[in-house]
Amino acid sequence: MPLYRLRESSRVIVRPLVKPLSRVHPNLITWFGLLVSVGAGIAFYFMELKWPLICAIVLILFRMASNLLDGMIAREQAKASVRGEALAESCDRLADMATLLGVAFARPVSLELGILAFGFAFMTEYLDILARGLLGKKTSVGIMDKIDRLVILMTAAMLGIFLTLSWVFNIALGIIFVGSIVTIFQRWFIIARSLKK
């Protein structure tokens, strides 16, 4: 949530790309976001070589841009639809899975901590979708949203180029794990309180 507020500022940065990409179907942008996330997960898996971490940083930036652009282009083309939103959400979850599991299964990283971070991060997104179904609106409250996770992983990748990989990435996963637990409680509280009204 802290970094989610920067989403509007990020839209300003990528807005110049909307016109050049106006002929591209927004679903293709969504699929591109998933593709680069798989690439980031593979790069993280080979983090011991160090140079793949640079690739992971670039690919995560591409994913963040595509997350913004698909919706912006869909609105520009008047093609925003429930089907497109469902595709975007599905690809987002697969993208999260590819990136976080790539980190989790990397040799220098604690697999157990990686699985826990992935599982609880996935739960935060489930509660967001649950809120949409029950309340008819998103509940992007909490200290650990998708953007927060991606920024943490990018920061870990930058530090990992120079520092001990196991130390850097286990701390990063620990932050995601603990932050996700807090976010689960925050989102569940919002849902429960709204249902009582």
C-alpha atoms as a PDB file:
ATOM      1  CA  MET A   1       0.000   0.000   0.000  1.00  0.00           C
ATOM      2  CA  PRO A   2       2.735   2.615   0.768  1.00  0.00           C
ATOM      3  CA  LEU A   3       4.079   2.296  -2.784  1.00  0.00           C
ATOM      4  CA  TYR A   4       0.613   1.784  -4.309  1.00  0.00           C
ATOM      5  CA  ARG A   5       0.098   5.522  -3.903  1.00  0.00           C
ATOM      6  CA  LEU A   6       2.865   6.067  -6.440  1.00  0.00           C
ATOM      7  CA  ARG A   7       0.748   4.372  -9.104  1.00  0.00           C
ATOM      8  CA  GLU A   8      -0.623   7.688 -10.391  1.00  0.00           C
ATOM      9  CA  SER A   9       2.903   9.108 -10.676  1.00  0.00           C
ATOM     10  CA  SER A  10       3.951   5.985 -12.566  1.00  0.00           C
ATOM     11  CA  ARG A  11       1.057   6.452 -14.990  1.00  0.00           C
ATOM     12  CA  VAL A  12       2.435   9.890 -15.859  1.00  0.00           C
ATOM     13  CA  ILE A  13       5.804   8.307 -16.689  1.00  0.00           C
ATOM     14  CA  VAL A  14       4.390   5.617 -19.007  1.00  0.00           C
ATOM     15  CA  ARG A  15       1.617   7.760 -20.537  1.00  0.00           C
ATOM     16  CA  PRO A  16       3.801   8.820 -23.508  1.00  0.00           C
ATOM     17  CA  LEU A  17       3.874   5.143 -24.523  1.00  0.00           C
ATOM     18  CA  VAL A  18       0.086   4.895 -24.814  1.00  0.00           C
ATOM     19  CA  LYS A  19      -0.128   6.647 -28.192  1.00  0.00           C
ATOM     20  CA  PRO A  20       2.663   4.616 -29.905  1.00  0.00           C
ATOM     21  CA  LEU A  21       1.091   1.411 -28.564  1.00  0.00           C
ATOM     22  CA  SER A  22      -2.505   2.426 -29.315  1.00  0.00           C
ATOM     23  CA  ARG A  23      -2.778  -0.146 -32.133  1.00  0.00           C
ATOM     24  CA  VAL A  24      -1.619  -2.997 -29.901  1.00  0.00           C
ATOM     25  CA  HIS A  25      -4.414  -5.012 -28.295  1.00  0.00           C
ATOM     26  CA  PRO A  26      -4.310  -4.514 -24.493  1.00  0.00           C
ATOM     27  CA  ASN A  27      -4.467  -8.293 -23.949  1.00  0.00           C
ATOM     28  CA  LEU A  28      -1.131  -8.595 -25.739  1.00  0.00           C
ATOM     29  CA  ILE A  29       0.360  -6.159 -23.222  1.00  0.00           C
ATOM     30  CA  THR A  30      -1.061  -8.327 -20.437  1.00  0.00           C
ATOM     31  CA  TRP A  31       0.498 -11.469 -21.912  1.00  0.00           C
ATOM     32  CA  PHE A  32       3.782  -9.600 -22.340  1.00  0.00           C
ATOM     33  CA  GLY A  33       3.721  -8.769 -18.618  1.00  0.00           C
ATOM     34  CA  LEU A  34       3.358 -12.463 -17.811  1.00  0.00           C
ATOM     35  CA  LEU A  35       6.155 -13.391 -20.224  1.00  0.00           C
ATOM     36  CA  VAL A  36       8.673 -10.965 -18.737  1.00  0.00           C
ATOM     37  CA  SER A  37       7.693 -12.150 -15.226  1.00  0.00           C
ATOM     38  CA  VAL A  38       8.544 -15.720 -16.191  1.00  0.00           C
ATOM     39  CA  GLY A  39      11.831 -14.366 -17.521  1.00  0.00           C
ATOM     40  CA  ALA A  40      12.445 -12.559 -14.212  1.00  0.00           C
ATOM     41  CA  GLY A  41      11.747 -15.784 -12.305  1.00  0.00           C
ATOM     42  CA  ILE A  42      14.279 -17.666 -14.451  1.00  0.00           C
ATOM     43  CA  ALA A  43      16.822 -14.873 -13.966  1.00  0.00           C
ATOM     44  CA  PHE A  44      16.334 -15.038 -10.187  1.00  0.00           C
ATOM     45  CA  TYR A  45      16.761 -18.816 -10.268  1.00  0.00           C
ATOM     46  CA  PHE A  46      20.236 -18.335 -11.761  1.00  0.00           C
ATOM     47  CA  MET A  47      21.132 -15.501  -9.364  1.00  0.00           C
ATOM     48  CA  GLU A  48      24.403 -17.191  -8.365  1.00  0.00           C
ATOM     49  CA  LEU A  49      25.877 -16.038 -11.673  1.00  0.00           C
ATOM     50  CA  LYS A  50      25.152 -12.453 -10.539  1.00  0.00           C
ATOM     51  CA  TRP A  51      24.570 -11.004 -14.052  1.00  0.00           C
ATOM     52  CA  PRO A  52      21.041 -12.498 -14.292  1.00  0.00           C
ATOM     53  CA  LEU A  53      20.108 -10.140 -11.436  1.00  0.00           C
ATOM     54  CA  ILE A  54      20.512  -7.203 -13.819  1.00  0.00           C
ATOM     55  CA  CYS A  55      18.156  -8.955 -16.245  1.00  0.00           C
ATOM     56  CA  ALA A  56      15.670  -9.539 -13.396  1.00  0.00           C
ATOM     57  CA  ILE A  57      15.644  -5.821 -12.533  1.00  0.00           C
ATOM     58  CA  VAL A  58      14.969  -4.808 -16.146  1.00  0.00           C
ATOM     59  CA  LEU A  59      12.271  -7.474 -16.589  1.00  0.00           C
ATOM     60  CA  ILE A  60      10.476  -6.435 -13.391  1.00  0.00           C
ATOM     61  CA  LEU A  61      10.452  -2.839 -14.646  1.00  0.00           C
ATOM     62  CA  PHE A  62       8.871  -4.097 -17.878  1.00  0.00           C
ATOM     63  CA  ARG A  63       6.268  -5.976 -15.857  1.00  0.00           C
ATOM     64  CA  MET A  64       5.389  -2.924 -13.806  1.00  0.00           C
ATOM     65  CA  ALA A  65       5.032  -0.873 -16.982  1.00  0.00           C
ATOM     66  CA  SER A  66       2.840  -3.487 -18.662  1.00  0.00           C
ATOM     67  CA  ASN A  67       0.612  -3.631 -15.552  1.00  0.00           C
ATOM     68  CA  LEU A  68      -0.142   0.036 -16.056  1.00  0.00           C
ATOM     69  CA  LEU A  69      -0.242   0.112 -19.840  1.00  0.00           C
ATOM     70  CA  ASP A  70      -2.735  -2.696 -20.481  1.00  0.00           C
ATOM     71  CA  GLY A  71      -5.500  -0.880 -18.604  1.00  0.00           C
ATOM     72  CA  MET A  72      -4.558   2.534 -19.969  1.00  0.00           C
ATOM     73  CA  ILE A  73      -4.516   1.257 -23.561  1.00  0.00           C
ATOM     74  CA  ALA A  74      -7.800  -0.624 -23.033  1.00  0.00           C
ATOM     75  CA  ARG A  75      -9.460   2.628 -21.939  1.00  0.00           C
ATOM     76  CA  GLU A  76      -7.826   4.532 -24.811  1.00  0.00           C
ATOM     77  CA  GLN A  77      -9.248   1.994 -27.299  1.00  0.00           C
ATOM     78  CA  ALA A  78     -12.588   1.757 -25.450  1.00  0.00           C
ATOM     79  CA  LYS A  79     -11.904  -1.962 -25.038  1.00  0.00           C
ATOM     80  CA  ALA A  80     -12.015  -2.159 -21.253  1.00  0.00           C
ATOM     81  CA  SER A  81     -14.073  -5.233 -20.335  1.00  0.00           C
ATOM     82  CA  VAL A  82     -14.725  -7.743 -17.590  1.00  0.00           C
ATOM     83  CA  ARG A  83     -13.018 -10.398 -19.708  1.00  0.00           C
ATOM     84  CA  GLY A  84      -9.909  -8.228 -20.039  1.00  0.00           C
ATOM     85  CA  GLU A  85      -9.864  -7.571 -16.302  1.00  0.00           C
ATOM     86  CA  ALA A  86     -10.204 -11.301 -15.589  1.00  0.00           C
ATOM     87  CA  LEU A  87      -7.289 -12.017 -17.925  1.00  0.00           C
ATOM     88  CA  ALA A  88      -5.187  -9.310 -16.287  1.00  0.00           C
ATOM     89  CA  GLU A  89      -5.889 -10.680 -12.794  1.00  0.00           C
ATOM     90  CA  SER A  90      -5.144 -14.266 -13.857  1.00  0.00           C
ATOM     91  CA  CYS A  91      -1.884 -13.264 -15.538  1.00  0.00           C
ATOM     92  CA  ASP A  92      -0.949 -11.184 -12.493  1.00  0.00           C
ATOM     93  CA  ARG A  93      -1.268 -14.195 -10.209  1.00  0.00           C
ATOM     94  CA  LEU A  94       0.749 -16.377 -12.593  1.00  0.00           C
ATOM     95  CA  ALA A  95       3.346 -13.614 -12.859  1.00  0.00           C
ATOM     96  CA  ASP A  96       3.612 -13.417  -9.051  1.00  0.00           C
ATOM     97  CA  MET A  97       4.019 -17.183  -8.941  1.00  0.00           C
ATOM     98  CA  ALA A  98       6.760 -17.216 -11.594  1.00  0.00           C
ATOM     99  CA  THR A  99       8.759 -14.419  -9.974  1.00  0.00           C
ATOM    100  CA  LEU A 100       8.515 -15.472  -6.326  1.00  0.00           C
ATOM    101  CA  LEU A 101       9.026 -19.181  -6.976  1.00  0.00           C
ATOM    102  CA  GLY A 102      12.042 -18.341  -9.137  1.00  0.00           C
ATOM    103  CA  VAL A 103      13.530 -16.673  -6.077  1.00  0.00           C
ATOM    104  CA  ALA A 104      12.383 -19.434  -3.704  1.00  0.00           C
ATOM    105  CA  PHE A 105      14.014 -22.244  -5.690  1.00  0.00           C
ATOM    106  CA  ALA A 106      17.308 -20.412  -6.232  1.00  0.00           C
ATOM    107  CA  ARG A 107      20.153 -22.261  -4.524  1.00  0.00           C
ATOM    108  CA  PRO A 108      21.308 -19.462  -2.150  1.00  0.00           C
ATOM    109  CA  VAL A 109      17.781 -18.869  -0.835  1.00  0.00           C
ATOM    110  CA  SER A 110      15.823 -20.681   1.894  1.00  0.00           C
ATOM    111  CA  LEU A 111      13.173 -22.694   0.027  1.00  0.00           C
ATOM    112  CA  GLU A 112      10.940 -22.854   3.105  1.00  0.00           C
ATOM    113  CA  LEU A 113      10.993 -19.081   3.542  1.00  0.00           C
ATOM    114  CA  GLY A 114      10.397 -18.594  -0.168  1.00  0.00           C
ATOM    115  CA  ILE A 115       7.343 -20.861  -0.148  1.00  0.00           C
ATOM    116  CA  LEU A 116       5.951 -19.084   2.919  1.00  0.00           C
ATOM    117  CA  ALA A 117       6.482 -15.660   1.331  1.00  0.00           C
ATOM    118  CA  PHE A 118       4.791 -16.832  -1.864  1.00  0.00           C
ATOM    119  CA  GLY A 119       1.860 -18.449  -0.051  1.00  0.00           C
ATOM    120  CA  PHE A 120       1.043 -15.484   2.144  1.00  0.00           C
ATOM    121  CA  ALA A 121       1.585 -12.989  -0.695  1.00  0.00           C
ATOM    122  CA  PHE A 122      -0.869 -15.020  -2.768  1.00  0.00           C
ATOM    123  CA  MET A 123      -3.346 -14.835   0.117  1.00  0.00           C
ATOM    124  CA  THR A 124      -3.207 -11.029   0.155  1.00  0.00           C
ATOM    125  CA  GLU A 125      -4.217 -10.977  -3.503  1.00  0.00           C
ATOM    126  CA  TYR A 126      -6.987 -13.516  -2.856  1.00  0.00           C
ATOM    127  CA  LEU A 127      -8.469 -11.221  -0.208  1.00  0.00           C
ATOM    128  CA  ASP A 128      -8.370  -8.333  -2.676  1.00  0.00           C
ATOM    129  CA  ILE A 129     -10.358 -10.395  -5.196  1.00  0.00           C
ATOM    130  CA  LEU A 130     -12.699 -11.604  -2.415  1.00  0.00           C
ATOM    131  CA  ALA A 131     -13.402  -7.989  -1.469  1.00  0.00           C
ATOM    132  CA  ARG A 132     -14.336  -7.200  -5.063  1.00  0.00           C
ATOM    133  CA  GLY A 133     -16.792 -10.092  -5.068  1.00  0.00           C
ATOM    134  CA  LEU A 134     -18.337  -9.327  -1.681  1.00  0.00           C
ATOM    135  CA  LEU A 135     -18.096  -5.540  -1.543  1.00  0.00           C
ATOM    136  CA  GLY A 136     -17.905  -4.608  -5.204  1.00  0.00           C
ATOM    137  CA  LYS A 137     -14.641  -2.726  -4.733  1.00  0.00           C
ATOM    138  CA  LYS A 138     -10.907  -3.305  -4.394  1.00  0.00           C
ATOM    139  CA  THR A 139      -9.274  -3.273  -0.984  1.00  0.00           C
ATOM    140  CA  SER A 140      -5.670  -2.402  -1.735  1.00  0.00           C
ATOM    141  CA  VAL A 141      -5.012  -1.563   1.909  1.00  0.00           C
ATOM    142  CA  GLY A 142      -2.052  -3.054   3.719  1.00  0.00           C
ATOM    143  CA  ILE A 143       1.684  -2.637   3.958  1.00  0.00           C
ATOM    144  CA  MET A 144       2.551  -5.317   1.366  1.00  0.00           C
ATOM    145  CA  ASP A 145       0.926  -4.965  -2.046  1.00  0.00           C
ATOM    146  CA  LYS A 146       2.142  -6.260  -5.428  1.00  0.00           C
ATOM    147  CA  ILE A 147       4.156  -3.114  -6.125  1.00  0.00           C
ATOM    148  CA  ASP A 148       5.805  -3.304  -2.696  1.00  0.00           C
ATOM    149  CA  ARG A 149       6.886  -6.907  -3.370  1.00  0.00           C
ATOM    150  CA  LEU A 150       8.332  -6.053  -6.763  1.00  0.00           C
ATOM    151  CA  VAL A 151      10.273  -3.069  -5.401  1.00  0.00           C
ATOM    152  CA  ILE A 152      11.643  -5.226  -2.572  1.00  0.00           C
ATOM    153  CA  LEU A 153      12.792  -7.883  -5.060  1.00  0.00           C
ATOM    154  CA  MET A 154      14.382  -5.254  -7.311  1.00  0.00           C
ATOM    155  CA  THR A 155      16.192  -3.752  -4.322  1.00  0.00           C
ATOM    156  CA  ALA A 156      17.382  -7.211  -3.281  1.00  0.00           C
ATOM    157  CA  ALA A 157      18.623  -7.838  -6.830  1.00  0.00           C
ATOM    158  CA  MET A 158      20.587  -4.584  -6.829  1.00  0.00           C
ATOM    159  CA  LEU A 159      22.132  -5.331  -3.435  1.00  0.00           C
ATOM    160  CA  GLY A 160      22.719  -8.966  -4.371  1.00  0.00           C
ATOM    161  CA  ILE A 161      25.084  -7.950  -7.163  1.00  0.00           C
ATOM    162  CA  PHE A 162      27.504  -6.696  -4.503  1.00  0.00           C
ATOM    163  CA  LEU A 163      26.537  -8.512  -1.285  1.00  0.00           C
ATOM    164  CA  THR A 164      25.985 -12.094  -0.137  1.00  0.00           C
ATOM    165  CA  LEU A 165      22.965 -13.471  -2.001  1.00  0.00           C
ATOM    166  CA  SER A 166      21.593 -15.684   0.779  1.00  0.00           C
ATOM    167  CA  TRP A 167      21.715 -12.832   3.281  1.00  0.00           C
ATOM    168  CA  VAL A 168      20.077 -10.283   0.979  1.00  0.00           C
ATOM    169  CA  PHE A 169      17.314 -12.471  -0.459  1.00  0.00           C
ATOM    170  CA  ASN A 170      16.378 -14.230   2.766  1.00  0.00           C
ATOM    171  CA  ILE A 171      15.901 -10.828   4.395  1.00  0.00           C
ATOM    172  CA  ALA A 172      13.839  -9.673   1.391  1.00  0.00           C
ATOM    173  CA  LEU A 173      11.642 -12.775   1.555  1.00  0.00           C
ATOM    174  CA  GLY A 174      11.318 -12.368   5.308  1.00  0.00           C
ATOM    175  CA  ILE A 175      10.049  -8.804   4.823  1.00  0.00           C
ATOM    176  CA  ILE A 176       7.557  -9.987   2.184  1.00  0.00           C
ATOM    177  CA  PHE A 177       6.421 -12.845   4.457  1.00  0.00           C
ATOM    178  CA  VAL A 178       5.875 -10.687   7.556  1.00  0.00           C
ATOM    179  CA  GLY A 179       4.408  -7.811   5.540  1.00  0.00           C
ATOM    180  CA  SER A 180       1.984 -10.190   3.848  1.00  0.00           C
ATOM    181  CA  ILE A 181       0.770 -11.549   7.186  1.00  0.00           C
ATOM    182  CA  VAL A 182       0.093  -8.012   8.416  1.00  0.00           C
ATOM    183  CA  THR A 183      -1.662  -7.172   5.134  1.00  0.00           C
ATOM    184  CA  ILE A 184      -3.885 -10.256   5.411  1.00  0.00           C
ATOM    185  CA  PHE A 185      -5.117  -9.090   8.800  1.00  0.00           C
ATOM    186  CA  GLN A 186      -5.574  -5.524   7.540  1.00  0.00           C
ATOM    187  CA  ARG A 187      -7.608  -6.621   4.523  1.00  0.00           C
ATOM    188  CA  TRP A 188      -9.657  -9.154   6.444  1.00  0.00           C
ATOM    189  CA  PHE A 189     -10.502  -6.484   9.026  1.00  0.00           C
ATOM    190  CA  ILE A 190     -11.704  -4.130   6.254  1.00  0.00           C
ATOM    191  CA  ILE A 191     -13.832  -6.876   4.686  1.00  0.00           C
ATOM    192  CA  ALA A 192     -15.317  -7.995   8.023  1.00  0.00           C
ATOM    193  CA  ARG A 193     -16.091  -4.426   9.086  1.00  0.00           C
ATOM    194  CA  SER A 194     -17.729  -3.605   5.740  1.00  0.00           C
ATOM    195  CA  LEU A 195     -19.917  -6.727   5.869  1.00  0.00           C
ATOM    196  CA  LYS A 196     -21.255  -5.699   9.288  1.00  0.00           C
ATOM    197  CA  LYS A 197     -22.679  -2.428   7.916  1.00  0.00           C
END
